[in-house]
Amino acid sequence: MNLLFVCMGNICRSPTAEGVMRQHLQQQGLADRIHVDSAGTHNYHPGKPPDLRTQKHAALRGYDLSALRARQILQADFSRFDLILTMDWDNQALTESLCPPAYARKVRRLAEFFQRHSDTAVPDPYYGGPDEFERVLDLVEDGVEGLMRHCRQRLGTSGSTGSPSQP
């Protein structure tokens, strides 16, 4: 299974989601079955690491984003990834406008997987303060938990070990 997280510049929200998801996959023994990546709808920061504030707040929760690098979404991503998870309505609209019709069902918002929050999007923290970066982490962690449940169902696994489901 292949998952792509998408935000505008690929330096705040989508690398946060990628890093959180990678750690959950490692912890639950699914890293060899689910590939994760992130991209931006705009080509603002190609090759750059996540915003330092993003890295700082993620590190405080035990997520290392330092090796991640920004890139722009590619046409090939629409066929390569099983789910393309956008962070907000604008990201979704732009991603859908780039997406060939045959792959439109793959584009969804991470907010669709929230378990505890009623928000409909993950807000952009770039021009905000520390509270906005913490809010992004709260929402991303919630969305990743729901997404993990979805992935385990699609893969036919249960629990946190990634072992096959019992009938």
N, C-alpha and C. Protein backbone atom coordinates (compact mmCIF):
# COMPACT_ATOMS: atom_id res chain seq x y z
N MET A 1 0.85 -1.17 0.00
CA MET A 1 0.00 0.00 0.00
C MET A 1 0.90 1.23 0.00
N ASN A 2 0.52 2.24 -0.78
CA ASN A 2 1.30 3.47 -0.91
C ASN A 2 0.45 4.67 -0.55
N LEU A 3 0.96 5.51 0.36
CA LEU A 3 0.24 6.69 0.83
C LEU A 3 1.06 7.95 0.56
N LEU A 4 0.40 8.99 0.08
CA LEU A 4 1.05 10.28 -0.15
C LEU A 4 0.28 11.36 0.60
N PHE A 5 1.00 12.13 1.42
CA PHE A 5 0.41 13.26 2.13
C PHE A 5 0.77 14.53 1.36
N VAL A 6 -0.23 15.42 1.20
CA VAL A 6 -0.04 16.62 0.38
C VAL A 6 -0.49 17.87 1.13
N CYS A 7 0.38 18.89 1.12
CA CYS A 7 -0.01 20.22 1.58
C CYS A 7 0.49 21.21 0.53
N MET A 8 0.60 22.47 0.86
CA MET A 8 0.96 23.46 -0.14
C MET A 8 2.45 23.41 -0.48
N GLY A 9 3.33 23.57 0.50
CA GLY A 9 4.75 23.67 0.23
C GLY A 9 5.58 22.48 0.63
N ASN A 10 4.98 21.51 1.30
CA ASN A 10 5.66 20.29 1.75
C ASN A 10 6.78 20.58 2.74
N ILE A 11 6.55 21.57 3.63
CA ILE A 11 7.53 21.82 4.69
C ILE A 11 6.91 21.87 6.08
N CYS A 12 5.59 21.81 6.19
CA CYS A 12 4.95 21.84 7.52
C CYS A 12 4.06 20.62 7.73
N ARG A 13 2.87 20.65 7.18
CA ARG A 13 1.87 19.64 7.49
C ARG A 13 2.13 18.28 6.87
N SER A 14 2.42 18.23 5.57
CA SER A 14 2.58 16.92 4.94
C SER A 14 3.83 16.18 5.43
N PRO A 15 4.98 16.85 5.67
CA PRO A 15 6.09 16.09 6.24
C PRO A 15 5.81 15.66 7.68
N THR A 16 5.02 16.46 8.40
CA THR A 16 4.63 16.04 9.75
C THR A 16 3.83 14.75 9.66
N ALA A 17 2.86 14.71 8.76
CA ALA A 17 2.05 13.50 8.60
C ALA A 17 2.90 12.32 8.16
N GLU A 18 3.83 12.56 7.24
CA GLU A 18 4.72 11.48 6.79
C GLU A 18 5.54 10.94 7.95
N GLY A 19 6.13 11.82 8.74
CA GLY A 19 6.96 11.38 9.87
C GLY A 19 6.16 10.64 10.94
N VAL A 20 4.98 11.15 11.26
CA VAL A 20 4.13 10.49 12.26
C VAL A 20 3.70 9.12 11.74
N MET A 21 3.29 9.05 10.49
CA MET A 21 2.85 7.78 9.92
C MET A 21 3.99 6.78 9.87
N ARG A 22 5.18 7.21 9.46
CA ARG A 22 6.34 6.31 9.42
C ARG A 22 6.61 5.69 10.79
N GLN A 23 6.55 6.52 11.82
CA GLN A 23 6.82 6.01 13.17
C GLN A 23 5.75 5.01 13.59
N HIS A 24 4.49 5.29 13.32
CA HIS A 24 3.41 4.35 13.64
C HIS A 24 3.59 3.04 12.89
N LEU A 25 3.97 3.12 11.64
CA LEU A 25 4.19 1.91 10.84
C LEU A 25 5.32 1.07 11.41
N GLN A 26 6.40 1.72 11.82
CA GLN A 26 7.52 1.01 12.44
C GLN A 26 7.08 0.32 13.73
N GLN A 27 6.39 1.07 14.57
CA GLN A 27 5.95 0.55 15.86
C GLN A 27 4.97 -0.60 15.72
N GLN A 28 4.18 -0.59 14.66
CA GLN A 28 3.15 -1.61 14.49
C GLN A 28 3.55 -2.70 13.49
N GLY A 29 4.80 -2.70 13.09
CA GLY A 29 5.30 -3.77 12.22
C GLY A 29 4.75 -3.76 10.81
N LEU A 30 4.37 -2.59 10.30
CA LEU A 30 3.79 -2.50 8.96
C LEU A 30 4.65 -1.70 7.98
N ALA A 31 5.85 -1.32 8.40
CA ALA A 31 6.69 -0.49 7.55
C ALA A 31 7.08 -1.18 6.25
N ASP A 32 7.10 -2.50 6.24
CA ASP A 32 7.44 -3.22 5.01
C ASP A 32 6.24 -3.41 4.08
N ARG A 33 5.04 -3.06 4.56
CA ARG A 33 3.83 -3.25 3.76
C ARG A 33 3.18 -1.95 3.30
N ILE A 34 3.56 -0.83 3.93
CA ILE A 34 2.97 0.46 3.59
C ILE A 34 4.09 1.47 3.36
N HIS A 35 4.13 2.02 2.16
CA HIS A 35 5.11 3.03 1.79
C HIS A 35 4.47 4.41 1.98
N VAL A 36 5.23 5.35 2.55
CA VAL A 36 4.71 6.69 2.84
C VAL A 36 5.64 7.74 2.22
N ASP A 37 5.04 8.79 1.69
CA ASP A 37 5.79 9.91 1.13
C ASP A 37 4.95 11.17 1.33
N SER A 38 5.53 12.33 1.02
CA SER A 38 4.78 13.58 1.08
C SER A 38 5.23 14.48 -0.06
N ALA A 39 4.36 15.42 -0.41
CA ALA A 39 4.64 16.35 -1.51
C ALA A 39 3.83 17.63 -1.30
N GLY A 40 4.18 18.63 -2.07
CA GLY A 40 3.45 19.89 -2.04
C GLY A 40 2.77 20.15 -3.36
N THR A 41 1.68 20.90 -3.31
CA THR A 41 1.01 21.27 -4.55
C THR A 41 1.80 22.35 -5.29
N HIS A 42 2.61 23.11 -4.57
CA HIS A 42 3.43 24.17 -5.15
C HIS A 42 4.91 23.78 -5.07
N ASN A 43 5.69 24.31 -5.95
CA ASN A 43 7.11 23.99 -6.02
C ASN A 43 7.93 25.07 -5.30
N TYR A 44 7.53 25.38 -4.07
CA TYR A 44 8.17 26.46 -3.32
C TYR A 44 9.51 26.09 -2.69
N HIS A 45 9.65 24.85 -2.22
CA HIS A 45 10.82 24.49 -1.41
C HIS A 45 11.49 23.19 -1.85
N PRO A 46 11.68 22.94 -3.13
CA PRO A 46 12.22 21.64 -3.54
C PRO A 46 13.58 21.35 -2.89
N GLY A 47 13.69 20.15 -2.34
CA GLY A 47 14.94 19.71 -1.73
C GLY A 47 15.21 20.25 -0.34
N LYS A 48 14.34 21.11 0.17
CA LYS A 48 14.54 21.71 1.50
C LYS A 48 13.97 20.80 2.58
N PRO A 49 14.56 20.83 3.79
CA PRO A 49 14.00 20.07 4.91
C PRO A 49 12.75 20.76 5.43
N PRO A 50 11.98 20.07 6.27
CA PRO A 50 10.81 20.72 6.88
C PRO A 50 11.21 21.98 7.64
N ASP A 51 10.27 22.89 7.73
CA ASP A 51 10.43 24.13 8.50
C ASP A 51 11.00 23.79 9.88
N LEU A 52 11.93 24.60 10.36
CA LEU A 52 12.57 24.33 11.65
C LEU A 52 11.58 24.26 12.80
N ARG A 53 10.52 25.09 12.72
CA ARG A 53 9.50 25.03 13.78
C ARG A 53 8.75 23.71 13.73
N THR A 54 8.49 23.23 12.54
CA THR A 54 7.83 21.93 12.38
C THR A 54 8.70 20.84 12.98
N GLN A 55 9.99 20.86 12.66
CA GLN A 55 10.91 19.86 13.19
C GLN A 55 10.99 19.92 14.72
N LYS A 56 11.05 21.14 15.24
CA LYS A 56 11.17 21.32 16.70
C LYS A 56 9.96 20.73 17.43
N HIS A 57 8.76 21.08 16.98
CA HIS A 57 7.56 20.60 17.66
C HIS A 57 7.39 19.09 17.48
N ALA A 58 7.72 18.58 16.32
CA ALA A 58 7.65 17.13 16.09
C ALA A 58 8.65 16.40 16.99
N ALA A 59 9.86 16.94 17.11
CA ALA A 59 10.89 16.31 17.94
C ALA A 59 10.46 16.24 19.41
N LEU A 60 9.74 17.26 19.87
CA LEU A 60 9.26 17.26 21.26
C LEU A 60 8.31 16.10 21.52
N ARG A 61 7.70 15.56 20.46
CA ARG A 61 6.80 14.41 20.59
C ARG A 61 7.47 13.12 20.12
N GLY A 62 8.74 13.19 19.83
CA GLY A 62 9.48 11.99 19.48
C GLY A 62 9.53 11.65 17.99
N TYR A 63 9.19 12.59 17.12
CA TYR A 63 9.23 12.35 15.68
C TYR A 63 10.42 13.09 15.07
N ASP A 64 11.25 12.37 14.32
CA ASP A 64 12.40 12.96 13.66
C ASP A 64 12.06 13.20 12.18
N LEU A 65 11.95 14.45 11.80
CA LEU A 65 11.62 14.81 10.41
C LEU A 65 12.83 15.32 9.64
N SER A 66 14.01 15.31 10.26
CA SER A 66 15.18 15.97 9.70
C SER A 66 15.64 15.40 8.36
N ALA A 67 15.40 14.14 8.07
CA ALA A 67 15.85 13.55 6.81
C ALA A 67 14.89 13.78 5.64
N LEU A 68 13.68 14.29 5.93
CA LEU A 68 12.69 14.50 4.88
C LEU A 68 13.05 15.72 4.04
N ARG A 69 12.69 15.67 2.75
CA ARG A 69 12.96 16.78 1.83
C ARG A 69 11.72 17.08 1.00
N ALA A 70 11.48 18.36 0.79
CA ALA A 70 10.29 18.81 0.06
C ALA A 70 10.39 18.48 -1.42
N ARG A 71 9.23 18.20 -1.98
CA ARG A 71 9.11 17.99 -3.42
C ARG A 71 7.70 18.37 -3.84
N GLN A 72 7.52 18.57 -5.12
CA GLN A 72 6.19 18.90 -5.65
C GLN A 72 5.53 17.61 -6.12
N ILE A 73 4.21 17.57 -6.01
CA ILE A 73 3.46 16.40 -6.48
C ILE A 73 3.69 16.24 -7.99
N LEU A 74 3.79 15.00 -8.42
CA LEU A 74 4.05 14.67 -9.83
C LEU A 74 2.85 13.95 -10.43
N GLN A 75 2.69 14.02 -11.72
CA GLN A 75 1.62 13.27 -12.39
C GLN A 75 1.73 11.78 -12.09
N ALA A 76 2.94 11.26 -12.04
CA ALA A 76 3.14 9.83 -11.76
C ALA A 76 2.63 9.43 -10.38
N ASP A 77 2.54 10.38 -9.45
CA ASP A 77 2.06 10.07 -8.10
C ASP A 77 0.62 9.57 -8.11
N PHE A 78 -0.17 10.04 -9.04
CA PHE A 78 -1.58 9.66 -9.06
C PHE A 78 -1.78 8.18 -9.38
N SER A 79 -0.92 7.62 -10.18
CA SER A 79 -1.02 6.18 -10.45
C SER A 79 -0.25 5.37 -9.42
N ARG A 80 0.82 5.92 -8.87
CA ARG A 80 1.68 5.20 -7.94
C ARG A 80 1.07 5.00 -6.55
N PHE A 81 0.33 6.00 -6.07
CA PHE A 81 -0.17 5.95 -4.69
C PHE A 81 -1.61 5.47 -4.64
N ASP A 82 -1.92 4.71 -3.59
CA ASP A 82 -3.27 4.18 -3.38
C ASP A 82 -4.19 5.23 -2.76
N LEU A 83 -3.62 6.06 -1.88
CA LEU A 83 -4.36 7.17 -1.26
C LEU A 83 -3.48 8.40 -1.30
N ILE A 84 -4.09 9.52 -1.67
CA ILE A 84 -3.42 10.81 -1.68
C ILE A 84 -4.19 11.67 -0.70
N LEU A 85 -3.57 11.95 0.43
CA LEU A 85 -4.24 12.58 1.57
C LEU A 85 -3.86 14.04 1.68
N THR A 86 -4.81 14.92 1.40
CA THR A 86 -4.57 16.35 1.45
C THR A 86 -4.85 16.87 2.85
N MET A 87 -4.28 18.03 3.14
CA MET A 87 -4.40 18.59 4.49
C MET A 87 -5.58 19.53 4.66
N ASP A 88 -5.99 20.20 3.57
CA ASP A 88 -7.13 21.11 3.70
C ASP A 88 -7.91 21.16 2.39
N TRP A 89 -8.97 21.95 2.39
CA TRP A 89 -9.86 22.03 1.22
C TRP A 89 -9.14 22.60 0.00
N ASP A 90 -8.29 23.61 0.20
CA ASP A 90 -7.55 24.19 -0.93
C ASP A 90 -6.59 23.16 -1.53
N ASN A 91 -5.86 22.44 -0.67
CA ASN A 91 -4.95 21.40 -1.16
C ASN A 91 -5.74 20.34 -1.92
N GLN A 92 -6.91 20.00 -1.40
CA GLN A 92 -7.72 18.99 -2.07
C GLN A 92 -8.18 19.48 -3.45
N ALA A 93 -8.67 20.70 -3.52
CA ALA A 93 -9.15 21.24 -4.80
C ALA A 93 -8.02 21.30 -5.83
N LEU A 94 -6.85 21.77 -5.42
CA LEU A 94 -5.73 21.86 -6.36
C LEU A 94 -5.25 20.47 -6.76
N THR A 95 -5.17 19.56 -5.81
CA THR A 95 -4.74 18.19 -6.12
C THR A 95 -5.74 17.53 -7.07
N GLU A 96 -7.02 17.73 -6.81
CA GLU A 96 -8.04 17.17 -7.71
C GLU A 96 -7.95 17.77 -9.11
N SER A 97 -7.60 19.06 -9.21
CA SER A 97 -7.48 19.68 -10.53
C SER A 97 -6.29 19.13 -11.32
N LEU A 98 -5.29 18.63 -10.63
CA LEU A 98 -4.11 18.04 -11.27
C LEU A 98 -4.30 16.55 -11.58
N CYS A 99 -5.26 15.95 -10.92
CA CYS A 99 -5.45 14.50 -10.95
C CYS A 99 -6.20 14.03 -12.20
N PRO A 100 -5.65 13.04 -12.91
CA PRO A 100 -6.41 12.45 -14.01
C PRO A 100 -7.71 11.83 -13.48
N PRO A 101 -8.81 11.95 -14.21
CA PRO A 101 -10.11 11.46 -13.73
C PRO A 101 -10.09 10.00 -13.26
N ALA A 102 -9.29 9.17 -13.85
CA ALA A 102 -9.25 7.76 -13.49
C ALA A 102 -8.79 7.53 -12.05
N TYR A 103 -8.10 8.51 -11.47
CA TYR A 103 -7.55 8.36 -10.12
C TYR A 103 -8.22 9.26 -9.08
N ALA A 104 -9.28 9.94 -9.45
CA ALA A 104 -9.93 10.93 -8.58
C ALA A 104 -10.36 10.35 -7.24
N ARG A 105 -10.77 9.11 -7.20
CA ARG A 105 -11.24 8.50 -5.95
C ARG A 105 -10.12 8.34 -4.91
N LYS A 106 -8.88 8.45 -5.35
CA LYS A 106 -7.74 8.30 -4.44
C LYS A 106 -7.51 9.54 -3.58
N VAL A 107 -7.99 10.68 -4.02
CA VAL A 107 -7.73 11.95 -3.33
C VAL A 107 -8.75 12.14 -2.21
N ARG A 108 -8.23 12.21 -0.98
CA ARG A 108 -9.08 12.41 0.20
C ARG A 108 -8.36 13.33 1.17
N ARG A 109 -9.09 13.88 2.10
CA ARG A 109 -8.48 14.69 3.14
C ARG A 109 -8.14 13.82 4.35
N LEU A 110 -7.02 14.10 4.99
CA LEU A 110 -6.64 13.38 6.20
C LEU A 110 -7.73 13.51 7.26
N ALA A 111 -8.43 14.64 7.26
CA ALA A 111 -9.49 14.88 8.24
C ALA A 111 -10.59 13.84 8.18
N GLU A 112 -10.75 13.16 7.06
CA GLU A 112 -11.76 12.10 6.95
C GLU A 112 -11.46 10.93 7.88
N PHE A 113 -10.23 10.86 8.37
CA PHE A 113 -9.82 9.76 9.23
C PHE A 113 -9.71 10.15 10.71
N PHE A 114 -10.07 11.41 11.03
CA PHE A 114 -10.03 11.84 12.43
C PHE A 114 -10.94 10.97 13.28
N GLN A 115 -10.46 10.62 14.45
CA GLN A 115 -11.22 9.82 15.40
C GLN A 115 -11.81 10.67 16.53
N ARG A 116 -11.05 11.68 16.96
CA ARG A 116 -11.44 12.47 18.13
C ARG A 116 -11.77 13.92 17.81
N HIS A 117 -11.38 14.40 16.65
CA HIS A 117 -11.59 15.80 16.30
C HIS A 117 -12.67 15.93 15.23
N SER A 118 -13.38 17.05 15.29
CA SER A 118 -14.45 17.28 14.32
C SER A 118 -14.02 18.25 13.21
N ASP A 119 -12.77 18.69 13.23
CA ASP A 119 -12.26 19.60 12.21
C ASP A 119 -12.39 18.94 10.83
N THR A 120 -12.50 19.75 9.81
CA THR A 120 -12.60 19.22 8.45
C THR A 120 -11.29 19.38 7.68
N ALA A 121 -10.27 19.93 8.35
CA ALA A 121 -8.98 20.15 7.70
C ALA A 121 -7.89 20.29 8.75
N VAL A 122 -6.64 20.16 8.29
CA VAL A 122 -5.47 20.45 9.11
C VAL A 122 -5.01 21.84 8.69
N PRO A 123 -5.11 22.84 9.57
CA PRO A 123 -4.78 24.22 9.19
C PRO A 123 -3.28 24.42 8.96
N ASP A 124 -2.95 25.37 8.11
CA ASP A 124 -1.56 25.68 7.80
C ASP A 124 -0.96 26.51 8.94
N PRO A 125 0.09 26.01 9.61
CA PRO A 125 0.67 26.73 10.74
C PRO A 125 1.76 27.72 10.35
N TYR A 126 2.11 27.80 9.08
CA TYR A 126 3.31 28.50 8.63
C TYR A 126 3.41 29.94 9.16
N TYR A 127 2.32 30.69 9.13
CA TYR A 127 2.36 32.08 9.58
C TYR A 127 1.90 32.24 11.03
N GLY A 128 1.75 31.13 11.73
CA GLY A 128 1.28 31.16 13.11
C GLY A 128 2.40 30.95 14.11
N GLY A 129 1.97 30.77 15.34
CA GLY A 129 2.91 30.57 16.42
C GLY A 129 2.96 29.13 16.87
N PRO A 130 3.60 28.89 18.01
CA PRO A 130 3.77 27.53 18.53
C PRO A 130 2.46 26.76 18.71
N ASP A 131 1.41 27.46 19.11
CA ASP A 131 0.13 26.77 19.32
C ASP A 131 -0.40 26.14 18.03
N GLU A 132 -0.17 26.82 16.88
CA GLU A 132 -0.63 26.28 15.61
C GLU A 132 0.13 25.01 15.22
N PHE A 133 1.43 24.98 15.51
CA PHE A 133 2.22 23.78 15.21
C PHE A 133 1.80 22.62 16.11
N GLU A 134 1.48 22.92 17.35
CA GLU A 134 0.99 21.87 18.25
C GLU A 134 -0.38 21.36 17.81
N ARG A 135 -1.22 22.28 17.35
CA ARG A 135 -2.55 21.88 16.85
C ARG A 135 -2.42 20.96 15.64
N VAL A 136 -1.50 21.28 14.74
CA VAL A 136 -1.26 20.41 13.58
C VAL A 136 -0.86 19.02 14.05
N LEU A 137 0.03 18.93 15.01
CA LEU A 137 0.45 17.62 15.51
C LEU A 137 -0.72 16.87 16.14
N ASP A 138 -1.55 17.56 16.91
CA ASP A 138 -2.73 16.90 17.49
C ASP A 138 -3.62 16.31 16.40
N LEU A 139 -3.89 17.10 15.37
CA LEU A 139 -4.78 16.65 14.30
C LEU A 139 -4.13 15.54 13.46
N VAL A 140 -2.86 15.70 13.16
CA VAL A 140 -2.16 14.67 12.37
C VAL A 140 -2.11 13.35 13.12
N GLU A 141 -1.79 13.39 14.41
CA GLU A 141 -1.75 12.14 15.19
C GLU A 141 -3.12 11.47 15.19
N ASP A 142 -4.18 12.25 15.33
CA ASP A 142 -5.53 11.70 15.29
C ASP A 142 -5.83 11.09 13.93
N GLY A 143 -5.51 11.82 12.86
CA GLY A 143 -5.76 11.31 11.52
C GLY A 143 -4.95 10.06 11.22
N VAL A 144 -3.72 10.02 11.67
CA VAL A 144 -2.88 8.84 11.44
C VAL A 144 -3.44 7.63 12.16
N GLU A 145 -3.95 7.82 13.36
CA GLU A 145 -4.56 6.68 14.07
C GLU A 145 -5.73 6.10 13.27
N GLY A 146 -6.59 6.97 12.76
CA GLY A 146 -7.71 6.49 11.95
C GLY A 146 -7.24 5.90 10.64
N LEU A 147 -6.21 6.49 10.05
CA LEU A 147 -5.65 5.97 8.81
C LEU A 147 -5.01 4.60 9.03
N MET A 148 -4.36 4.42 10.16
CA MET A 148 -3.78 3.10 10.48
C MET A 148 -4.88 2.05 10.54
N ARG A 149 -5.97 2.37 11.17
CA ARG A 149 -7.10 1.44 11.24
C ARG A 149 -7.58 1.10 9.82
N HIS A 150 -7.72 2.11 8.98
CA HIS A 150 -8.15 1.91 7.59
C HIS A 150 -7.16 1.01 6.84
N CYS A 151 -5.87 1.28 7.00
CA CYS A 151 -4.85 0.49 6.31
C CYS A 151 -4.85 -0.96 6.77
N ARG A 152 -4.96 -1.17 8.07
CA ARG A 152 -5.01 -2.56 8.58
C ARG A 152 -6.20 -3.30 8.00
N GLN A 153 -7.34 -2.63 7.89
CA GLN A 153 -8.51 -3.27 7.29
C GLN A 153 -8.26 -3.61 5.83
N ARG A 154 -7.69 -2.69 5.09
CA ARG A 154 -7.41 -2.95 3.67
C ARG A 154 -6.39 -4.05 3.47
N LEU A 155 -5.44 -4.14 4.39
CA LEU A 155 -4.40 -5.16 4.28
C LEU A 155 -4.81 -6.49 4.91
N GLY A 156 -5.93 -6.49 5.63
CA GLY A 156 -6.38 -7.71 6.28
C GLY A 156 -5.57 -8.06 7.50
N THR A 157 -5.10 -7.03 8.23
CA THR A 157 -4.37 -7.25 9.48
C THR A 157 -5.19 -6.67 10.62
N SER A 158 -4.86 -7.08 11.83
CA SER A 158 -5.54 -6.54 13.00
C SER A 158 -4.52 -6.25 14.09
N GLY A 159 -4.96 -5.50 15.07
CA GLY A 159 -4.08 -5.21 16.20
C GLY A 159 -2.95 -4.31 15.81
N SER A 160 -1.91 -4.27 16.63
CA SER A 160 -0.79 -3.37 16.39
C SER A 160 0.43 -4.11 15.86
N THR A 161 0.35 -5.38 15.62
CA THR A 161 1.53 -6.12 15.18
C THR A 161 1.61 -6.30 13.69
N GLY A 162 0.53 -6.05 12.98
CA GLY A 162 0.55 -6.25 11.56
C GLY A 162 0.35 -7.71 11.17
N SER A 163 -0.02 -8.55 12.15
CA SER A 163 -0.25 -9.97 11.86
C SER A 163 -1.59 -10.17 11.17
N PRO A 164 -1.71 -11.23 10.39
CA PRO A 164 -2.98 -11.46 9.70
C PRO A 164 -4.15 -11.59 10.64
N SER A 165 -5.29 -11.12 10.17
CA SER A 165 -6.53 -11.20 10.96
C SER A 165 -6.96 -12.66 11.11
N GLN A 166 -7.57 -12.95 12.21
CA GLN A 166 -8.14 -14.28 12.43
C GLN A 166 -9.58 -14.27 11.99
N PRO A 167 -10.08 -15.33 11.34
CA PRO A 167 -11.47 -15.36 10.89
C PRO A 167 -12.45 -15.27 12.03
